N, C-alpha and C. Protein backbone atom coordinates (compact mmCIF):
# COMPACT_ATOMS: atom_id res chain seq x y z
N MET A 1 -19.04 -14.91 -26.15
CA MET A 1 -18.73 -14.21 -24.91
C MET A 1 -17.91 -15.13 -24.01
N SER A 2 -16.81 -14.61 -23.45
CA SER A 2 -15.95 -15.39 -22.58
C SER A 2 -16.61 -15.57 -21.21
N VAL A 3 -16.05 -16.50 -20.42
CA VAL A 3 -16.56 -16.71 -19.07
C VAL A 3 -16.42 -15.44 -18.26
N ASP A 4 -15.25 -14.77 -18.37
CA ASP A 4 -15.03 -13.51 -17.65
C ASP A 4 -16.09 -12.48 -18.02
N ASP A 5 -16.33 -12.33 -19.31
CA ASP A 5 -17.31 -11.33 -19.76
C ASP A 5 -18.70 -11.62 -19.20
N ALA A 6 -19.07 -12.89 -19.15
CA ALA A 6 -20.38 -13.26 -18.63
C ALA A 6 -20.48 -12.91 -17.14
N ILE A 7 -19.42 -13.18 -16.41
CA ILE A 7 -19.41 -12.88 -14.97
C ILE A 7 -19.46 -11.37 -14.75
N ILE A 8 -18.68 -10.63 -15.54
CA ILE A 8 -18.68 -9.17 -15.41
C ILE A 8 -20.06 -8.60 -15.72
N ASP A 9 -20.72 -9.14 -16.73
CA ASP A 9 -22.08 -8.70 -17.04
C ASP A 9 -23.02 -8.98 -15.88
N ARG A 10 -22.85 -10.14 -15.24
CA ARG A 10 -23.71 -10.48 -14.11
C ARG A 10 -23.46 -9.53 -12.94
N ILE A 11 -22.18 -9.25 -12.67
CA ILE A 11 -21.84 -8.30 -11.60
C ILE A 11 -22.47 -6.94 -11.89
N ALA A 12 -22.30 -6.47 -13.13
CA ALA A 12 -22.83 -5.16 -13.50
C ALA A 12 -24.34 -5.08 -13.29
N SER A 13 -25.03 -6.19 -13.56
CA SER A 13 -26.49 -6.19 -13.41
C SER A 13 -26.93 -6.12 -11.96
N ARG A 14 -26.02 -6.41 -11.03
CA ARG A 14 -26.35 -6.43 -9.61
C ARG A 14 -25.82 -5.21 -8.86
N LEU A 15 -25.14 -4.33 -9.55
CA LEU A 15 -24.62 -3.12 -8.93
C LEU A 15 -25.69 -2.03 -8.89
N LEU A 16 -25.50 -1.07 -8.01
CA LEU A 16 -26.36 0.10 -7.98
C LEU A 16 -26.00 1.01 -9.15
N SER A 17 -26.99 1.62 -9.76
CA SER A 17 -26.73 2.47 -10.93
C SER A 17 -26.25 3.87 -10.55
N ALA A 18 -26.44 4.24 -9.29
CA ALA A 18 -26.00 5.55 -8.80
C ALA A 18 -25.39 5.36 -7.42
N PRO A 19 -24.52 6.28 -7.00
CA PRO A 19 -23.94 6.15 -5.66
C PRO A 19 -25.04 6.11 -4.61
N PRO A 20 -24.94 5.19 -3.65
CA PRO A 20 -25.98 5.11 -2.62
C PRO A 20 -25.98 6.34 -1.73
N ALA A 21 -27.14 6.67 -1.21
CA ALA A 21 -27.22 7.79 -0.27
C ALA A 21 -26.43 7.44 0.99
N LEU A 22 -25.78 8.44 1.57
CA LEU A 22 -24.98 8.23 2.77
C LEU A 22 -25.89 8.28 3.99
N ALA A 23 -25.93 7.20 4.72
CA ALA A 23 -26.81 7.10 5.88
C ALA A 23 -26.31 7.97 7.03
N GLU A 24 -27.22 8.32 7.92
CA GLU A 24 -26.84 9.08 9.09
C GLU A 24 -25.99 8.22 10.01
N ALA A 25 -25.07 8.85 10.72
CA ALA A 25 -24.12 8.13 11.57
C ALA A 25 -24.83 7.22 12.58
N ARG A 26 -25.94 7.68 13.11
CA ARG A 26 -26.63 6.91 14.15
C ARG A 26 -27.19 5.60 13.62
N ASN A 27 -27.32 5.48 12.29
CA ASN A 27 -27.86 4.26 11.69
C ASN A 27 -26.78 3.34 11.14
N LEU A 28 -25.52 3.70 11.35
CA LEU A 28 -24.42 2.94 10.79
C LEU A 28 -23.85 1.96 11.80
N VAL A 29 -23.45 0.79 11.31
CA VAL A 29 -22.78 -0.20 12.15
C VAL A 29 -21.40 -0.44 11.55
N PRO A 30 -20.32 -0.11 12.29
CA PRO A 30 -18.97 -0.24 11.73
C PRO A 30 -18.53 -1.70 11.65
N ASP A 31 -17.50 -1.95 10.85
CA ASP A 31 -17.00 -3.32 10.71
C ASP A 31 -16.33 -3.82 11.98
N TRP A 32 -15.90 -2.92 12.84
CA TRP A 32 -15.50 -3.26 14.21
C TRP A 32 -15.79 -2.05 15.09
N THR A 33 -16.07 -2.30 16.35
CA THR A 33 -16.50 -1.22 17.23
C THR A 33 -15.31 -0.61 17.95
N PRO A 34 -15.03 0.69 17.74
CA PRO A 34 -13.90 1.33 18.41
C PRO A 34 -14.18 1.48 19.91
N PRO A 35 -13.12 1.60 20.72
CA PRO A 35 -13.31 1.73 22.18
C PRO A 35 -14.14 2.95 22.56
N GLN A 36 -13.98 4.05 21.82
CA GLN A 36 -14.72 5.27 22.11
C GLN A 36 -15.58 5.65 20.91
N PRO A 37 -16.82 6.06 21.13
CA PRO A 37 -17.65 6.49 19.99
C PRO A 37 -17.09 7.75 19.36
N PHE A 38 -17.38 7.91 18.08
CA PHE A 38 -16.87 9.06 17.36
C PHE A 38 -17.68 10.31 17.70
N ASP A 39 -17.00 11.45 17.77
CA ASP A 39 -17.67 12.71 18.05
C ASP A 39 -17.76 13.59 16.82
N ARG A 40 -17.61 12.96 15.65
CA ARG A 40 -17.68 13.71 14.39
C ARG A 40 -18.37 12.83 13.34
N PRO A 41 -18.93 13.44 12.29
CA PRO A 41 -19.60 12.65 11.25
C PRO A 41 -18.61 11.75 10.52
N PRO A 42 -19.09 10.67 9.91
CA PRO A 42 -18.20 9.80 9.12
C PRO A 42 -17.58 10.57 7.96
N VAL A 43 -16.39 10.17 7.58
CA VAL A 43 -15.70 10.75 6.43
C VAL A 43 -16.10 9.98 5.18
N ALA A 44 -16.69 10.67 4.21
CA ALA A 44 -17.09 10.03 2.96
C ALA A 44 -15.86 9.73 2.11
N ALA A 45 -15.76 8.50 1.64
CA ALA A 45 -14.62 8.08 0.83
C ALA A 45 -15.10 7.17 -0.29
N ALA A 46 -14.23 6.92 -1.25
CA ALA A 46 -14.55 6.04 -2.37
C ALA A 46 -13.33 5.23 -2.74
N VAL A 47 -13.54 3.99 -3.15
CA VAL A 47 -12.46 3.17 -3.67
C VAL A 47 -12.86 2.65 -5.05
N LEU A 48 -11.86 2.34 -5.85
CA LEU A 48 -12.11 1.82 -7.19
C LEU A 48 -11.75 0.34 -7.23
N ILE A 49 -12.75 -0.48 -7.50
CA ILE A 49 -12.51 -1.90 -7.78
C ILE A 49 -12.40 -2.01 -9.30
N ALA A 50 -11.17 -2.04 -9.76
CA ALA A 50 -10.89 -1.99 -11.20
C ALA A 50 -10.70 -3.40 -11.75
N ILE A 51 -11.57 -3.79 -12.67
CA ILE A 51 -11.45 -5.08 -13.36
C ILE A 51 -10.67 -4.81 -14.65
N VAL A 52 -9.42 -5.24 -14.67
CA VAL A 52 -8.50 -4.86 -15.73
C VAL A 52 -8.45 -5.92 -16.82
N ALA A 53 -8.62 -5.49 -18.06
CA ALA A 53 -8.57 -6.41 -19.20
C ALA A 53 -7.12 -6.66 -19.59
N ARG A 54 -6.72 -7.92 -19.54
CA ARG A 54 -5.38 -8.34 -19.93
C ARG A 54 -5.50 -9.45 -20.97
N PRO A 55 -4.47 -9.63 -21.82
CA PRO A 55 -4.55 -10.68 -22.85
C PRO A 55 -4.81 -12.07 -22.27
N GLU A 56 -4.28 -12.31 -21.07
CA GLU A 56 -4.45 -13.64 -20.46
C GLU A 56 -5.73 -13.77 -19.65
N GLY A 57 -6.50 -12.70 -19.55
CA GLY A 57 -7.74 -12.71 -18.78
C GLY A 57 -7.84 -11.49 -17.89
N HIS A 58 -8.97 -11.33 -17.25
CA HIS A 58 -9.19 -10.15 -16.42
C HIS A 58 -8.54 -10.30 -15.05
N THR A 59 -8.13 -9.17 -14.50
CA THR A 59 -7.53 -9.12 -13.17
C THR A 59 -8.21 -8.03 -12.36
N VAL A 60 -7.90 -7.98 -11.06
CA VAL A 60 -8.37 -6.91 -10.19
C VAL A 60 -7.15 -6.19 -9.64
N LEU A 61 -7.19 -4.86 -9.67
CA LEU A 61 -6.04 -4.02 -9.33
C LEU A 61 -5.99 -3.72 -7.83
N TYR A 62 -4.78 -3.84 -7.27
CA TYR A 62 -4.52 -3.49 -5.87
C TYR A 62 -3.25 -2.65 -5.78
N THR A 63 -3.15 -1.90 -4.69
CA THR A 63 -1.93 -1.15 -4.41
C THR A 63 -1.40 -1.56 -3.04
N GLU A 64 -0.10 -1.44 -2.87
CA GLU A 64 0.51 -1.56 -1.55
C GLU A 64 0.89 -0.16 -1.10
N ARG A 65 0.30 0.28 -0.01
CA ARG A 65 0.51 1.65 0.43
C ARG A 65 1.95 1.89 0.86
N SER A 66 2.38 3.13 0.71
CA SER A 66 3.74 3.50 1.07
C SER A 66 3.97 3.26 2.56
N PRO A 67 5.15 2.75 2.94
CA PRO A 67 5.45 2.57 4.37
C PRO A 67 5.62 3.89 5.11
N ASP A 68 5.70 5.00 4.38
CA ASP A 68 5.90 6.31 5.01
C ASP A 68 4.59 7.00 5.39
N LEU A 69 3.45 6.42 4.98
CA LEU A 69 2.17 7.04 5.30
C LEU A 69 1.82 6.85 6.77
N ARG A 70 1.14 7.84 7.34
CA ARG A 70 0.77 7.77 8.75
C ARG A 70 -0.34 6.75 9.00
N SER A 71 -1.24 6.61 8.01
CA SER A 71 -2.39 5.74 8.18
C SER A 71 -2.29 4.51 7.28
N HIS A 72 -2.44 3.33 7.89
CA HIS A 72 -2.45 2.06 7.14
C HIS A 72 -1.20 1.88 6.27
N SER A 73 -0.06 2.32 6.77
CA SER A 73 1.18 2.23 5.99
C SER A 73 1.50 0.76 5.68
N GLY A 74 1.92 0.52 4.45
CA GLY A 74 2.34 -0.80 4.03
C GLY A 74 1.21 -1.78 3.75
N GLN A 75 -0.02 -1.41 4.00
CA GLN A 75 -1.13 -2.33 3.79
C GLN A 75 -1.59 -2.32 2.33
N VAL A 76 -2.24 -3.40 1.94
CA VAL A 76 -2.81 -3.50 0.60
C VAL A 76 -4.16 -2.79 0.57
N ALA A 77 -4.41 -2.05 -0.51
CA ALA A 77 -5.64 -1.27 -0.61
C ALA A 77 -6.07 -1.18 -2.07
N PHE A 78 -7.33 -0.86 -2.27
CA PHE A 78 -7.79 -0.44 -3.59
C PHE A 78 -7.40 1.03 -3.77
N PRO A 79 -7.19 1.48 -5.01
CA PRO A 79 -7.03 2.92 -5.22
C PRO A 79 -8.25 3.65 -4.66
N GLY A 80 -8.02 4.75 -3.99
CA GLY A 80 -9.16 5.50 -3.45
C GLY A 80 -8.76 6.42 -2.32
N GLY A 81 -9.74 7.09 -1.77
CA GLY A 81 -9.49 8.03 -0.68
C GLY A 81 -10.71 8.86 -0.39
N LYS A 82 -10.51 9.92 0.33
CA LYS A 82 -11.60 10.80 0.75
C LYS A 82 -12.25 11.48 -0.46
N ILE A 83 -13.57 11.63 -0.42
CA ILE A 83 -14.29 12.37 -1.45
C ILE A 83 -14.15 13.85 -1.15
N ASP A 84 -13.52 14.58 -2.06
CA ASP A 84 -13.29 16.01 -1.87
C ASP A 84 -14.52 16.81 -2.31
N PRO A 85 -14.67 18.04 -1.79
CA PRO A 85 -15.81 18.87 -2.20
C PRO A 85 -15.86 19.10 -3.71
N GLU A 86 -14.70 19.07 -4.36
CA GLU A 86 -14.66 19.34 -5.80
C GLU A 86 -15.09 18.13 -6.63
N ASP A 87 -15.15 16.95 -6.03
CA ASP A 87 -15.53 15.75 -6.77
C ASP A 87 -17.02 15.76 -7.05
N VAL A 88 -17.38 15.35 -8.26
CA VAL A 88 -18.80 15.32 -8.64
C VAL A 88 -19.55 14.27 -7.85
N ASP A 89 -18.95 13.10 -7.69
CA ASP A 89 -19.57 12.01 -6.94
C ASP A 89 -18.49 11.00 -6.57
N ALA A 90 -18.91 9.84 -6.07
CA ALA A 90 -17.95 8.82 -5.64
C ALA A 90 -17.10 8.31 -6.80
N ALA A 91 -17.71 8.15 -7.97
CA ALA A 91 -16.94 7.67 -9.12
C ALA A 91 -15.87 8.68 -9.51
N ASP A 92 -16.22 9.96 -9.49
CA ASP A 92 -15.27 11.01 -9.81
C ASP A 92 -14.09 10.97 -8.83
N ALA A 93 -14.39 10.77 -7.55
CA ALA A 93 -13.33 10.70 -6.54
C ALA A 93 -12.45 9.47 -6.74
N ALA A 94 -13.08 8.32 -6.98
CA ALA A 94 -12.31 7.08 -7.14
C ALA A 94 -11.40 7.14 -8.36
N LEU A 95 -11.91 7.68 -9.46
CA LEU A 95 -11.09 7.78 -10.68
C LEU A 95 -9.98 8.81 -10.51
N ARG A 96 -10.27 9.89 -9.80
CA ARG A 96 -9.23 10.88 -9.52
C ARG A 96 -8.10 10.26 -8.69
N GLU A 97 -8.49 9.53 -7.65
CA GLU A 97 -7.49 8.90 -6.80
C GLU A 97 -6.69 7.86 -7.57
N ALA A 98 -7.34 7.10 -8.44
CA ALA A 98 -6.63 6.09 -9.22
C ALA A 98 -5.60 6.74 -10.15
N HIS A 99 -5.95 7.90 -10.69
CA HIS A 99 -5.00 8.61 -11.54
C HIS A 99 -3.83 9.13 -10.71
N GLU A 100 -4.14 9.69 -9.53
CA GLU A 100 -3.09 10.22 -8.68
C GLU A 100 -2.17 9.12 -8.14
N GLU A 101 -2.74 7.98 -7.82
CA GLU A 101 -1.96 6.94 -7.16
C GLU A 101 -1.18 6.06 -8.13
N VAL A 102 -1.80 5.71 -9.27
CA VAL A 102 -1.12 4.77 -10.18
C VAL A 102 -1.10 5.23 -11.63
N GLY A 103 -1.56 6.45 -11.90
CA GLY A 103 -1.52 6.97 -13.26
C GLY A 103 -2.57 6.40 -14.19
N MET A 104 -3.66 5.87 -13.64
CA MET A 104 -4.72 5.33 -14.48
C MET A 104 -5.43 6.48 -15.19
N GLU A 105 -5.57 6.36 -16.51
CA GLU A 105 -6.28 7.37 -17.27
C GLU A 105 -7.80 7.19 -17.14
N ARG A 106 -8.50 8.29 -16.88
CA ARG A 106 -9.95 8.22 -16.75
C ARG A 106 -10.61 7.61 -17.99
N ALA A 107 -10.09 7.95 -19.15
CA ALA A 107 -10.69 7.48 -20.39
C ALA A 107 -10.57 5.96 -20.55
N ASP A 108 -9.67 5.34 -19.79
CA ASP A 108 -9.49 3.89 -19.88
C ASP A 108 -10.51 3.11 -19.05
N ALA A 109 -11.26 3.82 -18.20
CA ALA A 109 -12.18 3.16 -17.27
C ALA A 109 -13.63 3.38 -17.68
N THR A 110 -14.43 2.34 -17.53
CA THR A 110 -15.87 2.41 -17.72
C THR A 110 -16.54 1.99 -16.42
N VAL A 111 -17.21 2.92 -15.77
CA VAL A 111 -17.86 2.62 -14.49
C VAL A 111 -19.08 1.74 -14.74
N LEU A 112 -19.11 0.60 -14.05
CA LEU A 112 -20.24 -0.33 -14.17
C LEU A 112 -21.33 -0.02 -13.16
N GLY A 113 -20.94 0.49 -12.00
CA GLY A 113 -21.92 0.79 -10.96
C GLY A 113 -21.27 0.85 -9.59
N TYR A 114 -22.11 0.74 -8.58
CA TYR A 114 -21.67 0.98 -7.21
C TYR A 114 -22.15 -0.13 -6.29
N MET A 115 -21.32 -0.46 -5.31
CA MET A 115 -21.72 -1.38 -4.26
C MET A 115 -22.27 -0.58 -3.08
N PRO A 116 -23.02 -1.21 -2.18
CA PRO A 116 -23.49 -0.49 -0.99
C PRO A 116 -22.31 0.05 -0.17
N THR A 117 -22.57 1.11 0.56
CA THR A 117 -21.51 1.73 1.36
C THR A 117 -21.03 0.77 2.45
N TYR A 118 -19.78 0.99 2.85
CA TYR A 118 -19.12 0.15 3.86
C TYR A 118 -18.58 1.09 4.93
N TYR A 119 -19.01 0.87 6.17
CA TYR A 119 -18.62 1.76 7.26
C TYR A 119 -17.52 1.10 8.10
N THR A 120 -16.42 1.81 8.28
CA THR A 120 -15.27 1.25 8.96
C THR A 120 -15.21 1.68 10.42
N GLY A 121 -14.48 0.91 11.20
CA GLY A 121 -14.27 1.24 12.59
C GLY A 121 -13.36 2.43 12.80
N THR A 122 -12.84 2.96 11.69
CA THR A 122 -12.04 4.19 11.74
C THR A 122 -12.85 5.40 11.27
N ASN A 123 -14.18 5.21 11.15
CA ASN A 123 -15.11 6.30 10.84
C ASN A 123 -15.06 6.78 9.39
N TYR A 124 -14.75 5.87 8.47
CA TYR A 124 -14.86 6.19 7.04
C TYR A 124 -16.07 5.47 6.48
N LEU A 125 -16.85 6.19 5.68
CA LEU A 125 -17.99 5.61 4.99
C LEU A 125 -17.62 5.50 3.51
N ILE A 126 -17.32 4.28 3.09
CA ILE A 126 -16.71 4.04 1.78
C ILE A 126 -17.77 3.61 0.77
N THR A 127 -17.74 4.25 -0.39
CA THR A 127 -18.54 3.80 -1.54
C THR A 127 -17.63 3.08 -2.51
N PRO A 128 -17.79 1.77 -2.70
CA PRO A 128 -16.99 1.05 -3.69
C PRO A 128 -17.53 1.28 -5.10
N VAL A 129 -16.66 1.71 -5.99
CA VAL A 129 -17.01 1.97 -7.39
C VAL A 129 -16.39 0.87 -8.23
N VAL A 130 -17.19 0.18 -9.00
CA VAL A 130 -16.71 -0.94 -9.83
C VAL A 130 -16.61 -0.48 -11.27
N ALA A 131 -15.46 -0.74 -11.91
CA ALA A 131 -15.25 -0.31 -13.29
C ALA A 131 -14.42 -1.34 -14.04
N THR A 132 -14.65 -1.44 -15.33
CA THR A 132 -13.74 -2.19 -16.19
C THR A 132 -12.69 -1.21 -16.71
N VAL A 133 -11.47 -1.70 -16.87
CA VAL A 133 -10.37 -0.84 -17.31
C VAL A 133 -9.60 -1.53 -18.42
N THR A 134 -9.43 -0.84 -19.52
CA THR A 134 -8.54 -1.29 -20.60
C THR A 134 -7.37 -0.31 -20.63
N PRO A 135 -6.27 -0.65 -19.95
CA PRO A 135 -5.19 0.33 -19.77
C PRO A 135 -4.47 0.68 -21.06
N SER A 136 -4.27 1.98 -21.26
CA SER A 136 -3.55 2.46 -22.44
C SER A 136 -2.05 2.59 -22.16
N ARG A 137 -1.68 2.47 -20.90
CA ARG A 137 -0.27 2.52 -20.51
C ARG A 137 -0.10 1.80 -19.18
N PRO A 138 1.13 1.45 -18.81
CA PRO A 138 1.34 0.73 -17.55
C PRO A 138 0.93 1.57 -16.34
N PHE A 139 0.50 0.90 -15.29
CA PHE A 139 0.24 1.57 -14.03
C PHE A 139 1.57 1.85 -13.35
N VAL A 140 1.75 3.07 -12.89
CA VAL A 140 3.01 3.48 -12.25
C VAL A 140 2.68 4.04 -10.88
N PRO A 141 3.21 3.44 -9.80
CA PRO A 141 2.88 3.93 -8.46
C PRO A 141 3.45 5.31 -8.18
N ASN A 142 2.64 6.15 -7.56
CA ASN A 142 3.09 7.45 -7.08
C ASN A 142 3.86 7.20 -5.79
N PRO A 143 5.17 7.44 -5.77
CA PRO A 143 5.98 7.04 -4.60
C PRO A 143 5.58 7.72 -3.30
N GLY A 144 4.89 8.85 -3.38
CA GLY A 144 4.45 9.52 -2.17
C GLY A 144 3.30 8.82 -1.49
N GLU A 145 2.58 7.95 -2.22
CA GLU A 145 1.41 7.28 -1.68
C GLU A 145 1.44 5.77 -1.80
N VAL A 146 2.06 5.29 -2.87
CA VAL A 146 1.97 3.87 -3.21
C VAL A 146 3.37 3.27 -3.36
N HIS A 147 3.59 2.16 -2.67
CA HIS A 147 4.88 1.47 -2.77
C HIS A 147 4.94 0.58 -4.01
N SER A 148 3.84 -0.11 -4.30
CA SER A 148 3.82 -1.01 -5.45
C SER A 148 2.39 -1.22 -5.92
N VAL A 149 2.26 -1.72 -7.14
CA VAL A 149 0.97 -2.03 -7.74
C VAL A 149 1.01 -3.49 -8.17
N PHE A 150 -0.08 -4.20 -7.94
CA PHE A 150 -0.14 -5.58 -8.42
C PHE A 150 -1.58 -5.93 -8.77
N GLU A 151 -1.73 -7.02 -9.50
CA GLU A 151 -3.05 -7.45 -9.94
C GLU A 151 -3.26 -8.91 -9.58
N VAL A 152 -4.48 -9.25 -9.24
CA VAL A 152 -4.86 -10.61 -8.89
C VAL A 152 -5.84 -11.11 -9.95
N PRO A 153 -5.63 -12.29 -10.51
CA PRO A 153 -6.58 -12.78 -11.51
C PRO A 153 -8.01 -12.79 -10.99
N LEU A 154 -8.93 -12.36 -11.84
CA LEU A 154 -10.33 -12.33 -11.44
C LEU A 154 -10.80 -13.72 -11.02
N ALA A 155 -10.33 -14.74 -11.69
CA ALA A 155 -10.74 -16.11 -11.35
C ALA A 155 -10.35 -16.45 -9.92
N ARG A 156 -9.20 -15.95 -9.46
CA ARG A 156 -8.78 -16.22 -8.08
C ARG A 156 -9.66 -15.45 -7.10
N ILE A 157 -10.00 -14.23 -7.44
CA ILE A 157 -10.88 -13.42 -6.58
C ILE A 157 -12.24 -14.08 -6.43
N LEU A 158 -12.71 -14.72 -7.49
CA LEU A 158 -14.05 -15.29 -7.49
C LEU A 158 -14.12 -16.67 -6.85
N SER A 159 -12.96 -17.28 -6.58
CA SER A 159 -12.94 -18.61 -5.99
C SER A 159 -13.04 -18.51 -4.46
N ALA A 160 -14.03 -19.16 -3.88
CA ALA A 160 -14.19 -19.13 -2.43
C ALA A 160 -12.98 -19.75 -1.73
N ALA A 161 -12.28 -20.66 -2.41
CA ALA A 161 -11.12 -21.33 -1.82
C ALA A 161 -9.96 -20.37 -1.60
N SER A 162 -10.00 -19.18 -2.20
CA SER A 162 -8.91 -18.21 -2.06
C SER A 162 -8.95 -17.48 -0.72
N TYR A 163 -10.03 -17.64 0.04
CA TYR A 163 -10.26 -16.81 1.23
C TYR A 163 -10.03 -17.59 2.51
N GLY A 164 -9.24 -16.97 3.38
CA GLY A 164 -9.10 -17.44 4.74
C GLY A 164 -9.51 -16.33 5.68
N HIS A 165 -9.13 -16.44 6.96
CA HIS A 165 -9.48 -15.43 7.93
C HIS A 165 -8.23 -14.83 8.57
N PHE A 166 -8.25 -13.54 8.77
CA PHE A 166 -7.19 -12.81 9.46
C PHE A 166 -7.74 -12.34 10.80
N ARG A 167 -7.06 -12.71 11.88
CA ARG A 167 -7.50 -12.32 13.22
C ARG A 167 -6.59 -11.23 13.76
N PHE A 168 -7.20 -10.25 14.43
CA PHE A 168 -6.43 -9.11 14.92
C PHE A 168 -6.96 -8.68 16.29
N GLU A 169 -6.17 -7.88 16.96
CA GLU A 169 -6.59 -7.28 18.21
C GLU A 169 -6.29 -5.79 18.14
N ARG A 170 -7.28 -4.99 18.45
CA ARG A 170 -7.14 -3.54 18.35
C ARG A 170 -7.94 -2.89 19.47
N GLY A 171 -7.30 -2.00 20.23
CA GLY A 171 -7.98 -1.32 21.31
C GLY A 171 -8.54 -2.27 22.35
N GLY A 172 -7.84 -3.39 22.55
CA GLY A 172 -8.29 -4.37 23.52
C GLY A 172 -9.40 -5.27 23.02
N GLN A 173 -9.81 -5.12 21.77
CA GLN A 173 -10.87 -5.94 21.21
C GLN A 173 -10.32 -6.83 20.11
N ARG A 174 -10.83 -8.04 20.06
CA ARG A 174 -10.43 -8.98 19.02
C ARG A 174 -11.41 -8.92 17.86
N GLY A 175 -10.88 -9.06 16.68
CA GLY A 175 -11.71 -9.03 15.49
C GLY A 175 -11.21 -9.99 14.43
N GLN A 176 -11.94 -10.07 13.35
CA GLN A 176 -11.61 -10.99 12.27
C GLN A 176 -12.03 -10.39 10.94
N THR A 177 -11.19 -10.57 9.94
CA THR A 177 -11.53 -10.14 8.59
C THR A 177 -11.23 -11.28 7.62
N TRP A 178 -11.67 -11.11 6.40
CA TRP A 178 -11.24 -12.03 5.35
C TRP A 178 -9.77 -11.79 5.04
N GLN A 179 -9.14 -12.79 4.45
CA GLN A 179 -7.73 -12.69 4.06
C GLN A 179 -7.52 -13.44 2.75
N ILE A 180 -6.72 -12.83 1.85
CA ILE A 180 -6.33 -13.47 0.59
C ILE A 180 -4.82 -13.32 0.47
N ASP A 181 -4.12 -14.41 0.23
CA ASP A 181 -2.68 -14.35 -0.01
C ASP A 181 -2.43 -14.57 -1.49
N HIS A 182 -1.62 -13.69 -2.08
CA HIS A 182 -1.35 -13.80 -3.51
C HIS A 182 0.05 -13.27 -3.82
N ASP A 183 0.90 -14.13 -4.32
CA ASP A 183 2.21 -13.73 -4.84
C ASP A 183 2.98 -12.88 -3.84
N GLY A 184 2.99 -13.30 -2.59
CA GLY A 184 3.74 -12.58 -1.57
C GLY A 184 2.99 -11.42 -0.93
N HIS A 185 1.79 -11.14 -1.38
CA HIS A 185 0.97 -10.06 -0.82
C HIS A 185 -0.13 -10.65 0.06
N ARG A 186 -0.37 -10.03 1.20
CA ARG A 186 -1.46 -10.43 2.08
C ARG A 186 -2.52 -9.34 2.07
N ILE A 187 -3.68 -9.68 1.58
CA ILE A 187 -4.81 -8.75 1.55
C ILE A 187 -5.71 -9.08 2.72
N TRP A 188 -5.97 -8.11 3.60
CA TRP A 188 -6.81 -8.34 4.76
C TRP A 188 -7.54 -7.05 5.11
N GLY A 189 -8.28 -7.05 6.19
CA GLY A 189 -8.96 -5.85 6.64
C GLY A 189 -10.05 -5.39 5.69
N ILE A 190 -10.21 -4.09 5.61
CA ILE A 190 -11.26 -3.49 4.79
C ILE A 190 -11.19 -3.97 3.35
N THR A 191 -9.97 -4.00 2.80
CA THR A 191 -9.81 -4.35 1.39
C THR A 191 -10.24 -5.78 1.12
N ALA A 192 -9.88 -6.71 2.01
CA ALA A 192 -10.29 -8.10 1.83
C ALA A 192 -11.80 -8.25 2.01
N ASN A 193 -12.35 -7.52 2.98
CA ASN A 193 -13.80 -7.60 3.18
C ASN A 193 -14.56 -7.08 1.96
N LEU A 194 -14.09 -5.97 1.39
CA LEU A 194 -14.73 -5.44 0.18
C LEU A 194 -14.55 -6.40 -0.99
N THR A 195 -13.38 -7.02 -1.08
CA THR A 195 -13.14 -7.99 -2.15
C THR A 195 -14.13 -9.15 -2.04
N ARG A 196 -14.33 -9.62 -0.82
CA ARG A 196 -15.26 -10.74 -0.62
C ARG A 196 -16.69 -10.32 -0.94
N LEU A 197 -17.10 -9.12 -0.55
CA LEU A 197 -18.42 -8.64 -0.90
C LEU A 197 -18.60 -8.54 -2.41
N PHE A 198 -17.54 -8.11 -3.10
CA PHE A 198 -17.55 -8.05 -4.56
C PHE A 198 -17.70 -9.46 -5.13
N ARG A 199 -16.94 -10.40 -4.58
CA ARG A 199 -17.00 -11.79 -5.04
C ARG A 199 -18.41 -12.35 -4.85
N ASP A 200 -18.99 -12.12 -3.66
CA ASP A 200 -20.30 -12.67 -3.38
C ASP A 200 -21.39 -12.04 -4.25
N LEU A 201 -21.15 -10.79 -4.69
CA LEU A 201 -22.09 -10.14 -5.60
C LEU A 201 -22.20 -10.92 -6.91
N ALA A 202 -21.09 -11.50 -7.35
CA ALA A 202 -21.09 -12.24 -8.61
C ALA A 202 -21.94 -13.50 -8.52
N TYR A 203 -22.06 -14.02 -7.29
CA TYR A 203 -22.79 -15.27 -7.11
C TYR A 203 -24.04 -15.11 -6.28
N ASP A 204 -24.39 -13.84 -6.00
CA ASP A 204 -25.60 -13.54 -5.25
C ASP A 204 -25.60 -14.25 -3.90
N GLU A 205 -24.41 -14.20 -3.23
CA GLU A 205 -24.27 -14.85 -1.93
C GLU A 205 -24.02 -13.78 -0.87
N ALA A 206 -24.29 -14.13 0.36
CA ALA A 206 -24.00 -13.25 1.49
C ALA A 206 -22.71 -13.70 2.14
N ALA A 207 -21.80 -12.73 2.41
CA ALA A 207 -20.54 -13.09 3.03
C ALA A 207 -20.78 -13.64 4.42
N ALA A 208 -20.04 -14.71 4.75
CA ALA A 208 -20.17 -15.33 6.07
C ALA A 208 -19.17 -14.75 7.04
């Protein structure tokens, strides 16, 4: 068994076997506090943390969102989006979005499990779905949603030295997220925070 395989097995053993129940809004604490409280329930969403098998080793898949999108344009993200009524569960939604965004075939993915939900200051309640992927064809970005697709070596994701901090100001409030720079891409915000939580899961650590 390779080092990557051993780490993936350890991650899988620490994931939830089913999508976590969605907590009531009054019990949720967002990653940053918006200036005004929300007057609507959180939007259920799912993202796919895809561990991609490559000849040189495993990688983690990211997308760069289209600059034409109204929300989070140009930012780095995991494949994913809102859970539609037609989706069976969070995994179904995440795999559907991955197919729509980058052409990932469902049959190429094996869902390992789920991370705890993550509540954003934009009122999205995200379920991270972790899967291994053996791609049968190249990932191709859907130009209506995705500007580019790139992968970061799993070893880099798992190294604590890869992480810095990104500071921002929004709605008059200052905040901070994790940040990872890789090959000209800056990963920050929700995606970096989820990446760090994924990394800490491998080592049974709590993100600082």
